[in-house]
N, C-alpha and C. Protein backbone atom coordinates (compact mmCIF):
# COMPACT_ATOMS: atom_id res chain seq x y z
N UNK A 1 154.41 107.04 77.97
CA UNK A 1 154.68 106.10 79.04
C UNK A 1 156.17 105.80 79.06
N UNK A 2 156.79 105.84 80.24
CA UNK A 2 158.24 105.58 80.30
C UNK A 2 158.57 104.14 79.93
N UNK A 3 159.72 104.00 79.29
CA UNK A 3 160.22 102.67 78.96
C UNK A 3 161.25 102.28 80.00
N UNK A 4 161.08 101.12 80.58
CA UNK A 4 161.97 100.63 81.62
C UNK A 4 162.51 99.28 81.18
N UNK A 5 163.84 99.17 81.20
CA UNK A 5 164.46 97.91 80.79
C UNK A 5 165.50 97.49 81.84
N UNK A 6 165.74 96.20 81.99
CA UNK A 6 166.80 95.76 82.89
C UNK A 6 168.17 95.96 82.23
N UNK A 7 169.17 96.12 83.03
CA UNK A 7 170.51 96.41 82.53
C UNK A 7 171.03 95.32 81.59
N UNK A 8 170.60 94.09 81.76
CA UNK A 8 171.10 93.00 80.90
C UNK A 8 170.69 93.20 79.44
N UNK A 9 169.65 94.00 79.17
CA UNK A 9 169.23 94.26 77.79
C UNK A 9 170.14 95.23 77.06
N UNK A 10 171.09 95.83 77.76
CA UNK A 10 172.02 96.76 77.11
C UNK A 10 173.01 96.05 76.19
N UNK A 11 173.02 94.75 76.22
CA UNK A 11 173.92 93.99 75.34
C UNK A 11 173.58 94.19 73.88
N UNK A 12 172.31 94.38 73.57
CA UNK A 12 171.88 94.58 72.18
C UNK A 12 171.88 96.08 71.88
N UNK A 13 173.06 96.61 71.59
CA UNK A 13 173.21 98.07 71.42
C UNK A 13 172.43 98.62 70.24
N UNK A 14 172.31 97.85 69.18
CA UNK A 14 171.54 98.33 68.02
C UNK A 14 170.07 98.52 68.40
N UNK A 15 169.54 97.59 69.16
CA UNK A 15 168.14 97.70 69.60
C UNK A 15 167.96 98.89 70.53
N UNK A 16 168.90 99.10 71.43
CA UNK A 16 168.83 100.22 72.36
C UNK A 16 168.89 101.55 71.60
N UNK A 17 169.79 101.63 70.63
CA UNK A 17 169.89 102.84 69.83
C UNK A 17 168.58 103.12 69.10
N UNK A 18 168.00 102.09 68.54
CA UNK A 18 166.72 102.24 67.84
C UNK A 18 165.64 102.71 68.80
N UNK A 19 165.61 102.16 70.00
CA UNK A 19 164.63 102.57 70.99
C UNK A 19 164.80 104.03 71.36
N UNK A 20 166.05 104.48 71.47
CA UNK A 20 166.33 105.87 71.83
C UNK A 20 165.85 106.84 70.76
N UNK A 21 165.92 106.40 69.50
CA UNK A 21 165.55 107.29 68.40
C UNK A 21 164.08 107.19 68.00
N UNK A 22 163.34 106.23 68.57
CA UNK A 22 161.93 106.08 68.23
C UNK A 22 161.11 107.29 68.70
N UNK A 23 161.41 107.78 69.87
CA UNK A 23 160.73 108.98 70.36
C UNK A 23 161.65 109.70 71.34
N UNK A 24 161.18 110.81 71.87
CA UNK A 24 162.02 111.65 72.71
C UNK A 24 162.09 111.19 74.16
N UNK A 25 161.24 110.24 74.54
CA UNK A 25 161.22 109.79 75.93
C UNK A 25 162.50 109.04 76.28
N UNK A 26 163.02 109.25 77.48
CA UNK A 26 164.21 108.51 77.89
C UNK A 26 163.87 107.05 78.20
N UNK A 27 164.88 106.24 78.22
CA UNK A 27 164.77 104.83 78.60
C UNK A 27 165.38 104.71 80.00
N UNK A 28 164.61 104.20 80.93
CA UNK A 28 165.09 104.00 82.29
C UNK A 28 165.66 102.60 82.40
N UNK A 29 166.89 102.50 82.89
CA UNK A 29 167.56 101.21 83.02
C UNK A 29 167.61 100.85 84.51
N UNK A 30 167.18 99.62 84.80
CA UNK A 30 167.19 99.17 86.18
C UNK A 30 168.30 98.14 86.41
N UNK A 31 168.75 98.09 87.64
CA UNK A 31 169.77 97.11 88.05
C UNK A 31 169.28 96.53 89.38
N UNK A 32 169.08 95.23 89.38
CA UNK A 32 168.56 94.54 90.56
C UNK A 32 167.21 95.14 91.00
N UNK A 33 166.41 95.56 90.02
CA UNK A 33 165.08 96.07 90.31
C UNK A 33 165.00 97.53 90.71
N UNK A 34 166.13 98.22 90.74
CA UNK A 34 166.16 99.63 91.12
C UNK A 34 166.67 100.48 89.97
N UNK A 35 166.22 101.71 89.90
CA UNK A 35 166.70 102.63 88.88
C UNK A 35 168.20 102.80 88.96
N UNK A 36 168.85 102.75 87.79
CA UNK A 36 170.31 102.86 87.76
C UNK A 36 170.79 103.98 86.84
N UNK A 37 170.18 104.10 85.66
CA UNK A 37 170.61 105.13 84.72
C UNK A 37 169.49 105.42 83.73
N UNK A 38 169.70 106.46 82.94
CA UNK A 38 168.73 106.88 81.93
C UNK A 38 169.47 107.03 80.61
N UNK A 39 168.85 106.54 79.53
CA UNK A 39 169.43 106.66 78.19
C UNK A 39 168.49 107.46 77.30
N UNK A 40 169.08 108.24 76.41
CA UNK A 40 168.29 108.98 75.42
C UNK A 40 169.18 109.31 74.23
N UNK A 41 168.54 109.65 73.11
CA UNK A 41 169.31 110.01 71.92
C UNK A 41 170.03 111.33 72.16
N UNK A 42 171.07 111.56 71.40
CA UNK A 42 171.82 112.81 71.53
C UNK A 42 170.93 114.01 71.17
N UNK A 43 170.03 113.83 70.21
CA UNK A 43 169.12 114.93 69.83
C UNK A 43 168.20 115.29 70.99
N UNK A 44 167.67 114.28 71.65
CA UNK A 44 166.79 114.54 72.80
C UNK A 44 167.57 115.19 73.94
N UNK A 45 168.78 114.71 74.16
CA UNK A 45 169.61 115.28 75.21
C UNK A 45 169.92 116.75 74.92
N UNK A 46 170.30 117.06 73.69
CA UNK A 46 170.64 118.45 73.34
C UNK A 46 169.42 119.36 73.45
N UNK A 47 168.25 118.87 73.05
CA UNK A 47 167.03 119.67 73.19
C UNK A 47 166.73 119.93 74.66
N UNK A 48 166.89 118.93 75.49
CA UNK A 48 166.67 119.08 76.93
C UNK A 48 167.69 120.05 77.53
N UNK A 49 168.93 119.94 77.09
CA UNK A 49 169.99 120.83 77.57
C UNK A 49 169.69 122.28 77.19
N UNK A 50 169.27 122.51 75.94
CA UNK A 50 168.91 123.88 75.51
C UNK A 50 167.77 124.43 76.35
N UNK A 51 166.77 123.61 76.61
CA UNK A 51 165.64 124.04 77.42
C UNK A 51 166.09 124.41 78.83
N UNK A 52 166.97 123.60 79.41
CA UNK A 52 167.50 123.92 80.74
C UNK A 52 168.27 125.22 80.74
N UNK A 53 169.02 125.50 79.67
CA UNK A 53 169.76 126.76 79.58
C UNK A 53 168.79 127.94 79.53
N UNK A 54 167.70 127.79 78.79
CA UNK A 54 166.70 128.85 78.73
C UNK A 54 166.10 129.10 80.10
N UNK A 55 165.74 128.04 80.80
CA UNK A 55 165.19 128.18 82.15
C UNK A 55 166.18 128.87 83.08
N UNK A 56 167.46 128.53 82.96
CA UNK A 56 168.49 129.17 83.79
C UNK A 56 168.58 130.67 83.50
N UNK A 57 168.55 131.02 82.21
CA UNK A 57 168.60 132.44 81.83
C UNK A 57 167.37 133.19 82.33
N UNK A 58 166.21 132.55 82.25
CA UNK A 58 164.98 133.17 82.77
C UNK A 58 165.07 133.39 84.27
N UNK A 59 165.62 132.43 84.98
CA UNK A 59 165.77 132.56 86.42
C UNK A 59 166.69 133.72 86.76
N UNK A 60 167.80 133.85 86.05
CA UNK A 60 168.72 134.97 86.26
C UNK A 60 168.03 136.28 85.97
N UNK A 61 167.26 136.33 84.88
CA UNK A 61 166.54 137.55 84.52
C UNK A 61 165.53 137.93 85.59
N UNK A 62 164.81 136.94 86.11
CA UNK A 62 163.83 137.22 87.17
C UNK A 62 164.51 137.74 88.43
N UNK A 63 165.69 137.20 88.74
CA UNK A 63 166.44 137.69 89.89
C UNK A 63 166.89 139.13 89.67
N UNK A 64 167.31 139.45 88.45
CA UNK A 64 167.71 140.82 88.12
C UNK A 64 166.54 141.79 88.28
N UNK A 65 165.38 141.39 87.80
CA UNK A 65 164.20 142.25 87.92
C UNK A 65 163.85 142.45 89.39
N UNK A 66 163.84 141.37 90.16
CA UNK A 66 163.50 141.45 91.59
C UNK A 66 164.49 142.33 92.35
N UNK A 67 165.76 142.32 91.94
CA UNK A 67 166.79 143.11 92.61
C UNK A 67 166.88 144.53 92.06
N UNK A 68 166.05 144.85 91.06
CA UNK A 68 166.06 146.19 90.50
C UNK A 68 167.19 146.45 89.52
N UNK A 69 167.83 145.41 89.05
CA UNK A 69 168.92 145.57 88.08
C UNK A 69 168.33 145.59 86.66
N UNK A 70 167.62 146.66 86.38
CA UNK A 70 166.97 146.80 85.07
C UNK A 70 167.27 148.17 84.48
N UNK A 71 167.05 148.29 83.20
CA UNK A 71 167.19 149.56 82.50
C UNK A 71 165.91 149.79 81.71
N UNK A 72 165.35 151.00 81.78
CA UNK A 72 164.16 151.27 80.98
C UNK A 72 164.44 150.99 79.49
N UNK A 73 163.45 150.51 78.79
CA UNK A 73 163.62 150.10 77.39
C UNK A 73 164.15 151.23 76.52
N UNK A 74 163.63 152.44 76.69
CA UNK A 74 164.09 153.56 75.87
C UNK A 74 165.58 153.82 76.07
N UNK A 75 166.05 153.75 77.30
CA UNK A 75 167.47 153.96 77.57
C UNK A 75 168.31 152.84 76.96
N UNK A 76 167.85 151.62 77.10
CA UNK A 76 168.60 150.48 76.56
C UNK A 76 168.69 150.56 75.04
N UNK A 77 167.58 150.88 74.39
CA UNK A 77 167.59 151.02 72.92
C UNK A 77 168.48 152.16 72.47
N UNK A 78 168.46 153.27 73.21
CA UNK A 78 169.31 154.41 72.87
C UNK A 78 170.78 154.00 72.95
N UNK A 79 171.15 153.26 74.00
CA UNK A 79 172.52 152.82 74.17
C UNK A 79 172.93 151.84 73.06
N UNK A 80 172.03 150.95 72.70
CA UNK A 80 172.30 150.00 71.61
C UNK A 80 172.53 150.74 70.31
N UNK A 81 171.68 151.72 70.02
CA UNK A 81 171.82 152.50 68.78
C UNK A 81 173.14 153.27 68.76
N UNK A 82 173.49 153.87 69.89
CA UNK A 82 174.73 154.64 69.97
C UNK A 82 175.94 153.73 69.76
N UNK A 83 175.93 152.56 70.39
CA UNK A 83 177.02 151.62 70.22
C UNK A 83 177.12 151.13 68.77
N UNK A 84 175.97 150.91 68.15
CA UNK A 84 175.93 150.46 66.76
C UNK A 84 176.49 151.54 65.84
N UNK A 85 176.07 152.77 66.05
CA UNK A 85 176.55 153.87 65.21
C UNK A 85 178.05 154.09 65.39
N UNK A 86 178.54 153.91 66.62
CA UNK A 86 179.97 154.10 66.87
C UNK A 86 180.81 153.06 66.13
N UNK A 87 180.25 151.89 65.90
CA UNK A 87 180.99 150.82 65.22
C UNK A 87 181.00 151.01 63.70
N UNK A 88 180.10 151.83 63.18
CA UNK A 88 180.05 152.06 61.73
C UNK A 88 181.09 153.01 61.27
């Protein structure tokens, strides 16, 4: 369940920090009864950011496949092996 707090509660920063670290859910902050901002721990933010990066990479990959920008696996592995051997 989302946690919603009024902006005036941000004065108690230690309590807010504790709330952010209790679980991964963000804290929604309201101002004059309307949504204003979202707070979360740095760990939760970084996990969310990593997940978004993965989704972005998947989207790019799907676009490549749809556009035919692919290489058969055998050819790709052969090229990887050749490049690896050349570096040795």
